Amino acid sequence: MGEFNNGTPTAYELEPNGWTAGIHLGYTVPLQGALIGIEAAWSAANDVDTHNPGSGTSDDFASFEFNDTISLAARFGFFLTPRYMLFVKVGVAWADVKGGAGDTNGIPPALDRSDVIRTNGWETGFVVGTGLDVLWARDWSVRAEYEYMDFGSSVIVNADGDVNSVAVQNHAIKFGVSRHF
């Protein structure tokens, strides 16, 4: 949510979409009918969304890019059968994000350089997820999971004193293959 010289906060729901690919490494300890472990994951992404001037009733511009993520999570699993395991995970996450917003003036719209905010860098937050692992060969399993990452919100003030609040979250559905050693 932000405002650019109009005194009225304007909200933008930017929902970056794109591709994601990554790797995960982990260590687990079996328990009676369950397991406990730790998992590290890295994902490269190219998720982008933009609000262009003239969209809706606003002459503002906003863009957000969600790039690499890294997570370190505790993982808890419960075996439904010897081949099927439900799991949950919770931990810390980092994301490389880039974003910006600004006000445009005139026709055709030109960006007002004093009305620009930018964010660029790594944010720290948390990750939670749940999913299903299926053992399909002696040392191999496949997985499907839902993962939610939240990196909180921050307030950014530009050169004109306009205040903007940015909240960063990521929802992902992931599919993977694991080799067990």
C-alpha atoms as a PDB file:
ATOM      1  CA  MET A   1       0.000   0.000   0.000  1.00  0.00           C
ATOM      2  CA  GLY A   2       1.368   3.441  -0.778  1.00  0.00           C
ATOM      3  CA  GLU A   3       0.615   6.967  -1.775  1.00  0.00           C
ATOM      4  CA  PHE A   4       2.183   9.354  -4.258  1.00  0.00           C
ATOM      5  CA  ASN A   5       1.174  13.014  -3.785  1.00  0.00           C
ATOM      6  CA  ASN A   6      -2.512  12.211  -3.764  1.00  0.00           C
ATOM      7  CA  GLY A   7      -2.985  11.715  -0.010  1.00  0.00           C
ATOM      8  CA  THR A   8      -4.988   8.552  -0.585  1.00  0.00           C
ATOM      9  CA  PRO A   9      -3.275   5.183  -0.011  1.00  0.00           C
ATOM     10  CA  THR A  10      -3.405   2.926  -3.036  1.00  0.00           C
ATOM     11  CA  ALA A  11      -3.093  -0.851  -2.655  1.00  0.00           C
ATOM     12  CA  TYR A  12      -1.482  -3.094  -5.260  1.00  0.00           C
ATOM     13  CA  GLU A  13      -1.849  -6.870  -5.139  1.00  0.00           C
ATOM     14  CA  LEU A  14       1.138  -7.944  -7.169  1.00  0.00           C
ATOM     15  CA  GLU A  15       1.254 -11.709  -7.655  1.00  0.00           C
ATOM     16  CA  PRO A  16       4.506 -12.661  -9.366  1.00  0.00           C
ATOM     17  CA  ASN A  17       4.241 -15.758 -11.536  1.00  0.00           C
ATOM     18  CA  GLY A  18       6.954 -17.672 -13.321  1.00  0.00           C
ATOM     19  CA  TRP A  19       9.144 -20.740 -13.058  1.00  0.00           C
ATOM     20  CA  THR A  20      11.014 -22.220 -10.100  1.00  0.00           C
ATOM     21  CA  ALA A  21      13.614 -24.989  -9.994  1.00  0.00           C
ATOM     22  CA  GLY A  22      15.822 -26.109  -7.141  1.00  0.00           C
ATOM     23  CA  ILE A  23      17.496 -28.767  -5.042  1.00  0.00           C
ATOM     24  CA  HIS A  24      17.036 -30.053  -1.508  1.00  0.00           C
ATOM     25  CA  LEU A  25      19.354 -31.930   0.837  1.00  0.00           C
ATOM     26  CA  GLY A  26      18.389 -33.465   4.133  1.00  0.00           C
ATOM     27  CA  TYR A  27      19.111 -35.862   6.923  1.00  0.00           C
ATOM     28  CA  THR A  28      16.445 -37.932   8.682  1.00  0.00           C
ATOM     29  CA  VAL A  29      16.306 -40.236  11.666  1.00  0.00           C
ATOM     30  CA  PRO A  30      13.638 -42.968  11.596  1.00  0.00           C
ATOM     31  CA  LEU A  31      11.402 -43.393  14.616  1.00  0.00           C
ATOM     32  CA  GLN A  32       8.669 -45.965  15.243  1.00  0.00           C
ATOM     33  CA  GLY A  33       6.234 -45.231  12.379  1.00  0.00           C
ATOM     34  CA  ALA A  34       7.662 -41.754  11.810  1.00  0.00           C
ATOM     35  CA  LEU A  35      10.800 -39.745  11.109  1.00  0.00           C
ATOM     36  CA  ILE A  36      12.392 -36.494  12.160  1.00  0.00           C
ATOM     37  CA  GLY A  37      14.979 -34.596  10.190  1.00  0.00           C
ATOM     38  CA  ILE A  38      16.409 -31.404   8.806  1.00  0.00           C
ATOM     39  CA  GLU A  39      16.207 -30.136   5.236  1.00  0.00           C
ATOM     40  CA  ALA A  40      18.055 -27.389   3.358  1.00  0.00           C
ATOM     41  CA  ALA A  41      16.650 -26.171   0.048  1.00  0.00           C
ATOM     42  CA  TRP A  42      17.622 -23.681  -2.650  1.00  0.00           C
ATOM     43  CA  SER A  43      15.321 -22.566  -5.441  1.00  0.00           C
ATOM     44  CA  ALA A  44      16.005 -20.301  -8.391  1.00  0.00           C
ATOM     45  CA  ALA A  45      12.965 -18.440  -9.650  1.00  0.00           C
ATOM     46  CA  ASN A  46      11.955 -15.810 -12.144  1.00  0.00           C
ATOM     47  CA  ASP A  47       8.611 -14.626 -10.782  1.00  0.00           C
ATOM     48  CA  VAL A  48       7.600 -11.112 -11.890  1.00  0.00           C
ATOM     49  CA  ASP A  49       4.458  -8.949 -11.751  1.00  0.00           C
ATOM     50  CA  THR A  50       3.916  -5.309 -12.734  1.00  0.00           C
ATOM     51  CA  HIS A  51       1.166  -2.716 -12.203  1.00  0.00           C
ATOM     52  CA  ASN A  52       1.363  -0.332 -15.165  1.00  0.00           C
ATOM     53  CA  PRO A  53       0.254   3.327 -15.168  1.00  0.00           C
ATOM     54  CA  GLY A  54      -3.352   3.622 -16.229  1.00  0.00           C
ATOM     55  CA  SER A  55      -4.300   0.204 -14.812  1.00  0.00           C
ATOM     56  CA  GLY A  56      -7.554   0.788 -12.991  1.00  0.00           C
ATOM     57  CA  THR A  57      -7.843   4.321 -11.565  1.00  0.00           C
ATOM     58  CA  SER A  58      -4.176   4.878 -10.753  1.00  0.00           C
ATOM     59  CA  ASP A  59      -1.341   6.564 -12.614  1.00  0.00           C
ATOM     60  CA  ASP A  60       1.174   4.786 -10.353  1.00  0.00           C
ATOM     61  CA  PHE A  61       3.718   2.207 -11.483  1.00  0.00           C
ATOM     62  CA  ALA A  62       4.693  -0.832  -9.363  1.00  0.00           C
ATOM     63  CA  SER A  63       6.831  -3.881 -10.097  1.00  0.00           C
ATOM     64  CA  PHE A  64       7.976  -6.839  -8.002  1.00  0.00           C
ATOM     65  CA  GLU A  65      10.441  -9.644  -8.727  1.00  0.00           C
ATOM     66  CA  PHE A  66      10.832 -12.769  -6.564  1.00  0.00           C
ATOM     67  CA  ASN A  67      14.146 -14.520  -7.264  1.00  0.00           C
ATOM     68  CA  ASP A  68      16.221 -17.094  -5.348  1.00  0.00           C
ATOM     69  CA  THR A  69      15.068 -18.614  -2.052  1.00  0.00           C
ATOM     70  CA  ILE A  70      16.991 -20.582   0.567  1.00  0.00           C
ATOM     71  CA  SER A  71      15.411 -22.423   3.482  1.00  0.00           C
ATOM     72  CA  LEU A  72      16.519 -24.508   6.445  1.00  0.00           C
ATOM     73  CA  ALA A  73      13.690 -26.449   8.072  1.00  0.00           C
ATOM     74  CA  ALA A  74      12.933 -29.165  10.595  1.00  0.00           C
ATOM     75  CA  ARG A  75      10.920 -31.964   8.990  1.00  0.00           C
ATOM     76  CA  PHE A  76       8.496 -34.323  10.748  1.00  0.00           C
ATOM     77  CA  GLY A  77       6.929 -37.297   8.959  1.00  0.00           C
ATOM     78  CA  PHE A  78       4.278 -39.871   9.785  1.00  0.00           C
ATOM     79  CA  PHE A  79       4.063 -43.115   7.770  1.00  0.00           C
ATOM     80  CA  LEU A  80       0.608 -44.012   6.463  1.00  0.00           C
ATOM     81  CA  THR A  81       2.034 -47.241   5.007  1.00  0.00           C
ATOM     82  CA  PRO A  82       5.658 -48.356   4.539  1.00  0.00           C
ATOM     83  CA  ARG A  83       5.639 -46.482   1.180  1.00  0.00           C
ATOM     84  CA  TYR A  84       3.535 -43.359   1.927  1.00  0.00           C
ATOM     85  CA  MET A  85       4.542 -40.648   4.386  1.00  0.00           C
ATOM     86  CA  LEU A  86       2.786 -37.373   5.234  1.00  0.00           C
ATOM     87  CA  PHE A  87       5.150 -34.654   6.424  1.00  0.00           C
ATOM     88  CA  VAL A  88       5.240 -31.113   7.752  1.00  0.00           C
ATOM     89  CA  LYS A  89       8.165 -28.750   7.909  1.00  0.00           C
ATOM     90  CA  VAL A  90       8.911 -25.457   9.637  1.00  0.00           C
ATOM     91  CA  GLY A  91      12.002 -23.286   9.565  1.00  0.00           C
ATOM     92  CA  VAL A  92      13.781 -20.144   8.475  1.00  0.00           C
ATOM     93  CA  ALA A  93      13.838 -18.794   4.906  1.00  0.00           C
ATOM     94  CA  TRP A  94      15.652 -16.144   2.879  1.00  0.00           C
ATOM     95  CA  ALA A  95      14.520 -14.598  -0.414  1.00  0.00           C
ATOM     96  CA  ASP A  96      16.201 -12.348  -2.968  1.00  0.00           C
ATOM     97  CA  VAL A  97      13.580  -9.741  -3.881  1.00  0.00           C
ATOM     98  CA  LYS A  98      13.530  -6.653  -6.069  1.00  0.00           C
ATOM     99  CA  GLY A  99      10.727  -4.164  -6.269  1.00  0.00           C
ATOM    100  CA  GLY A 100       9.854  -0.608  -7.027  1.00  0.00           C
ATOM    101  CA  ALA A 101       6.967   1.777  -7.282  1.00  0.00           C
ATOM    102  CA  GLY A 102       6.519   5.333  -8.463  1.00  0.00           C
ATOM    103  CA  ASP A 103       4.199   8.060  -9.621  1.00  0.00           C
ATOM    104  CA  THR A 104       3.820   9.077 -13.242  1.00  0.00           C
ATOM    105  CA  ASN A 105       2.827  12.539 -14.421  1.00  0.00           C
ATOM    106  CA  GLY A 106       1.575  13.951 -17.714  1.00  0.00           C
ATOM    107  CA  ILE A 107       0.511  12.506 -21.040  1.00  0.00           C
ATOM    108  CA  PRO A 108       2.224  10.325 -22.107  1.00  0.00           C
ATOM    109  CA  PRO A 109       3.037   9.207 -18.568  1.00  0.00           C
ATOM    110  CA  ALA A 110       6.580  10.019 -17.448  1.00  0.00           C
ATOM    111  CA  LEU A 111       8.070   8.711 -14.208  1.00  0.00           C
ATOM    112  CA  ASP A 112       8.484  11.409 -11.525  1.00  0.00           C
ATOM    113  CA  ARG A 113      12.029  10.625 -10.255  1.00  0.00           C
ATOM    114  CA  SER A 114      11.305  12.144  -6.807  1.00  0.00           C
ATOM    115  CA  ASP A 115       8.335   9.779  -6.416  1.00  0.00           C
ATOM    116  CA  VAL A 116      10.182   6.454  -6.685  1.00  0.00           C
ATOM    117  CA  ILE A 117      10.779   3.788  -4.037  1.00  0.00           C
ATOM    118  CA  ARG A 118      12.949   0.715  -4.445  1.00  0.00           C
ATOM    119  CA  THR A 119      13.714  -2.423  -2.504  1.00  0.00           C
ATOM    120  CA  ASN A 120      16.489  -4.767  -3.514  1.00  0.00           C
ATOM    121  CA  GLY A 121      18.173  -7.512  -1.505  1.00  0.00           C
ATOM    122  CA  TRP A 122      17.733 -10.513   0.734  1.00  0.00           C
ATOM    123  CA  GLU A 123      14.788 -10.708   3.143  1.00  0.00           C
ATOM    124  CA  THR A 124      14.617 -13.106   6.117  1.00  0.00           C
ATOM    125  CA  GLY A 125      11.408 -14.862   7.150  1.00  0.00           C
ATOM    126  CA  PHE A 126       9.925 -18.257   7.872  1.00  0.00           C
ATOM    127  CA  VAL A 127       8.778 -21.296   5.906  1.00  0.00           C
ATOM    128  CA  VAL A 128       6.044 -23.842   6.683  1.00  0.00           C
ATOM    129  CA  GLY A 129       4.938 -26.672   4.469  1.00  0.00           C
ATOM    130  CA  THR A 130       3.208 -29.994   4.196  1.00  0.00           C
ATOM    131  CA  GLY A 131       3.273 -32.790   1.682  1.00  0.00           C
ATOM    132  CA  LEU A 132       3.407 -36.455   0.757  1.00  0.00           C
ATOM    133  CA  ASP A 133       6.496 -38.610   0.067  1.00  0.00           C
ATOM    134  CA  VAL A 134       6.041 -41.866  -1.859  1.00  0.00           C
ATOM    135  CA  LEU A 135       8.815 -44.490  -1.913  1.00  0.00           C
ATOM    136  CA  TRP A 136       8.793 -45.837  -5.487  1.00  0.00           C
ATOM    137  CA  ALA A 137      12.049 -47.793  -5.485  1.00  0.00           C
ATOM    138  CA  ARG A 138      14.420 -49.010  -2.794  1.00  0.00           C
ATOM    139  CA  ASP A 139      16.382 -45.741  -2.512  1.00  0.00           C
ATOM    140  CA  TRP A 140      14.124 -43.326  -4.395  1.00  0.00           C
ATOM    141  CA  SER A 141      11.017 -41.350  -3.511  1.00  0.00           C
ATOM    142  CA  VAL A 142       8.839 -38.714  -5.150  1.00  0.00           C
ATOM    143  CA  ARG A 143       7.187 -35.859  -3.326  1.00  0.00           C
ATOM    144  CA  ALA A 144       4.435 -33.315  -3.690  1.00  0.00           C
ATOM    145  CA  GLU A 145       4.249 -30.422  -1.240  1.00  0.00           C
ATOM    146  CA  TYR A 146       2.699 -27.062  -0.514  1.00  0.00           C
ATOM    147  CA  GLU A 147       5.082 -24.443   0.887  1.00  0.00           C
ATOM    148  CA  TYR A 148       4.358 -21.003   2.359  1.00  0.00           C
ATOM    149  CA  MET A 149       7.067 -18.423   3.001  1.00  0.00           C
ATOM    150  CA  ASP A 150       6.489 -15.118   4.809  1.00  0.00           C
ATOM    151  CA  PHE A 151       9.103 -12.355   4.885  1.00  0.00           C
ATOM    152  CA  GLY A 152       7.114  -9.766   6.851  1.00  0.00           C
ATOM    153  CA  SER A 153       6.559  -6.219   5.736  1.00  0.00           C
ATOM    154  CA  SER A 154       8.633  -3.074   5.616  1.00  0.00           C
ATOM    155  CA  VAL A 155       7.906   0.623   5.270  1.00  0.00           C
ATOM    156  CA  ILE A 156       9.797   2.591   2.612  1.00  0.00           C
ATOM    157  CA  VAL A 157       9.802   6.391   2.320  1.00  0.00           C
ATOM    158  CA  ASN A 158      10.881   8.098  -0.924  1.00  0.00           C
ATOM    159  CA  ALA A 159      12.556  11.485  -1.478  1.00  0.00           C
ATOM    160  CA  ASP A 160       9.168  13.272  -1.478  1.00  0.00           C
ATOM    161  CA  GLY A 161       8.220  11.737   1.894  1.00  0.00           C
ATOM    162  CA  ASP A 162       5.615   9.389   0.394  1.00  0.00           C
ATOM    163  CA  VAL A 163       5.178   6.320   2.613  1.00  0.00           C
ATOM    164  CA  ASN A 164       4.879   2.808   1.156  1.00  0.00           C
ATOM    165  CA  SER A 165       4.437  -0.527   2.901  1.00  0.00           C
ATOM    166  CA  VAL A 166       5.650  -3.723   1.230  1.00  0.00           C
ATOM    167  CA  ALA A 167       4.638  -7.231   2.409  1.00  0.00           C
ATOM    168  CA  VAL A 168       6.392 -10.243   0.882  1.00  0.00           C
ATOM    169  CA  GLN A 169       4.921 -13.781   0.882  1.00  0.00           C
ATOM    170  CA  ASN A 170       5.324 -16.768  -1.390  1.00  0.00           C
ATOM    171  CA  HIS A 171       2.981 -19.731  -1.982  1.00  0.00           C
ATOM    172  CA  ALA A 172       4.415 -22.660  -3.941  1.00  0.00           C
ATOM    173  CA  ILE A 173       3.354 -26.140  -4.978  1.00  0.00           C
ATOM    174  CA  LYS A 174       6.440 -28.270  -5.503  1.00  0.00           C
ATOM    175  CA  PHE A 175       7.128 -31.685  -6.960  1.00  0.00           C
ATOM    176  CA  GLY A 176      10.419 -33.464  -6.428  1.00  0.00           C
ATOM    177  CA  VAL A 177      12.488 -36.618  -6.610  1.00  0.00           C
ATOM    178  CA  SER A 178      14.752 -37.709  -3.730  1.00  0.00           C
ATOM    179  CA  ARG A 179      17.638 -40.183  -3.631  1.00  0.00           C
ATOM    180  CA  HIS A 180      18.129 -41.845  -0.239  1.00  0.00           C
ATOM    181  CA  PHE A 181      21.630 -42.832   0.894  1.00  0.00           C
END
